[in-house]
Amino acid sequence: VQLVESGGGLVQPGGSLRLSCAASGFTFSAYVMTWYRQAPGKEREWVATISSGGGGTNYGNSVKGRFTISRDNVKNMMYLQMNSLKPEDTAVYYCYVPASGYWGQGTQVTVSS
């Protein structure tokens, strides 16, 4: 199993980023997928979840209305579109498969002027 995040970087407040998670080694389309994040000195925080088919999504209160989770079960990819970014969104973002416990290595997002 491999989960590889990409798309992080430095962005100004109010800006946007799109994170990607490339999955391999398992039947991606059969699994609920999630995004988590961890800021320096803080516990890992749940960000969003998407159902196996992509029709159901849920978001943490801190990102609701600004972030959108999606997936492409043909390409075995999951995405997180992040808009109206705030400095408090600065964190390492991870993709995670709840049913199996697999984590990606994370991608750094820094929101700063």
Protein backbone atom coordinates (compact mmCIF):
# COMPACT_ATOMS: atom_id res chain seq x y z
CA VAL A 1 0.00 0.00 0.00
CA GLN A 2 1.26 3.44 -0.90
CA LEU A 3 -0.28 6.87 -0.36
CA VAL A 4 1.64 9.83 -1.78
CA GLU A 5 0.49 13.38 -1.11
CA SER A 6 1.52 16.33 -3.24
CA GLY A 7 0.52 19.90 -3.98
CA GLY A 8 1.55 21.60 -0.77
CA GLY A 9 3.52 24.81 -0.63
CA LEU A 10 3.62 28.40 0.52
CA VAL A 11 0.53 30.53 -0.17
CA GLN A 12 -0.65 33.93 0.99
CA PRO A 13 -3.73 34.30 3.19
CA GLY A 14 -6.85 34.18 1.06
CA GLY A 15 -5.16 32.04 -1.54
CA SER A 16 -5.88 28.53 -2.78
CA LEU A 17 -4.11 25.21 -3.09
CA ARG A 18 -5.12 21.80 -4.39
CA LEU A 19 -3.66 18.78 -2.65
CA SER A 20 -3.52 15.36 -4.27
CA CYS A 21 -3.18 11.87 -2.83
CA ALA A 22 -2.08 9.11 -5.18
CA ALA A 23 -3.09 5.67 -3.93
CA SER A 24 -1.76 2.27 -4.96
CA GLY A 25 -1.57 -1.28 -3.70
CA PHE A 26 -5.20 -1.66 -2.71
CA THR A 27 -8.68 -1.45 -4.19
CA PHE A 28 -9.01 2.32 -3.85
CA SER A 29 -12.62 2.50 -4.99
CA ALA A 30 -13.74 0.24 -2.13
CA TYR A 31 -12.51 2.45 0.69
CA VAL A 32 -13.60 5.56 2.52
CA MET A 33 -10.77 8.08 2.42
CA THR A 34 -9.88 10.98 4.69
CA TRP A 35 -7.63 14.00 4.99
CA TYR A 36 -6.00 14.91 8.29
CA ARG A 37 -3.62 17.69 9.21
CA GLN A 38 -1.14 18.36 11.97
CA ALA A 39 0.13 21.79 12.92
CA PRO A 40 3.36 22.27 14.87
CA GLY A 41 2.85 21.46 18.54
CA LYS A 42 -0.74 20.32 18.02
CA GLU A 43 -2.52 16.99 17.73
CA ARG A 44 -3.48 15.56 14.37
CA GLU A 45 -6.83 17.00 13.29
CA TRP A 46 -9.45 15.44 11.05
CA VAL A 47 -10.17 17.62 8.00
CA ALA A 48 -12.57 15.78 5.69
CA THR A 49 -13.90 12.37 4.69
CA ILE A 50 -15.26 11.06 1.41
CA SER A 51 -17.26 7.88 0.84
CA SER A 52 -15.93 5.09 -1.35
CA GLY A 53 -18.05 6.16 -4.31
CA GLY A 54 -17.50 9.85 -3.75
CA GLY A 55 -21.13 10.75 -3.21
CA GLY A 56 -20.83 11.47 0.50
CA THR A 57 -18.56 14.00 2.15
CA ASN A 58 -18.04 15.43 5.62
CA TYR A 59 -15.89 18.29 6.85
CA GLY A 60 -14.42 19.54 10.06
CA ASN A 61 -15.94 22.75 11.35
CA SER A 62 -12.74 24.68 10.84
CA VAL A 63 -12.69 24.03 7.07
CA LYS A 64 -16.37 23.70 6.21
CA GLY A 65 -17.32 25.99 3.34
CA ARG A 66 -13.70 26.58 2.32
CA PHE A 67 -12.33 23.10 1.51
CA THR A 68 -13.71 20.50 -0.89
CA ILE A 69 -12.74 16.83 -0.87
CA SER A 70 -13.11 14.76 -4.02
CA ARG A 71 -11.81 11.57 -5.60
CA ASP A 72 -11.28 9.92 -8.97
CA ASN A 73 -11.70 6.16 -8.66
CA VAL A 74 -10.42 5.60 -12.20
CA LYS A 75 -7.14 7.37 -11.50
CA ASN A 76 -6.94 6.17 -7.84
CA MET A 77 -6.60 9.77 -6.70
CA MET A 78 -8.07 11.85 -3.88
CA TYR A 79 -7.99 15.63 -3.80
CA LEU A 80 -8.46 18.49 -1.36
CA GLN A 81 -9.28 21.86 -2.87
CA MET A 82 -8.47 24.51 -0.28
CA ASN A 83 -9.79 28.04 -0.78
CA SER A 84 -9.74 31.16 1.37
CA LEU A 85 -6.71 29.84 3.20
CA LYS A 86 -5.86 31.23 6.62
CA PRO A 87 -2.61 31.19 8.60
CA GLU A 88 -4.21 28.68 10.97
CA ASP A 89 -4.49 26.23 8.07
CA THR A 90 -0.69 25.88 8.17
CA ALA A 91 0.04 22.21 8.80
CA VAL A 92 1.27 18.98 7.30
CA TYR A 93 -1.65 17.39 5.45
CA TYR A 94 -2.00 13.62 5.31
CA CYS A 95 -4.25 11.22 3.45
CA TYR A 96 -5.49 8.25 5.43
CA VAL A 97 -7.43 5.04 4.89
CA PRO A 98 -9.49 4.54 8.06
CA ALA A 99 -10.33 0.88 7.44
CA SER A 100 -6.70 -0.12 7.09
CA GLY A 101 -4.77 2.41 9.11
CA TYR A 102 -2.50 3.44 6.27
CA TRP A 103 -1.08 6.98 6.20
CA GLY A 104 0.74 8.94 3.57
CA GLN A 105 3.97 10.78 4.30
CA GLY A 106 2.28 14.19 4.28
CA THR A 107 2.66 17.43 2.39
CA GLN A 108 3.44 20.78 4.01
CA VAL A 109 1.04 23.68 3.59
CA THR A 110 2.18 27.08 4.84
CA VAL A 111 -0.15 30.08 4.75
CA SER A 112 1.77 33.27 5.35
CA SER A 113 2.25 36.72 3.93
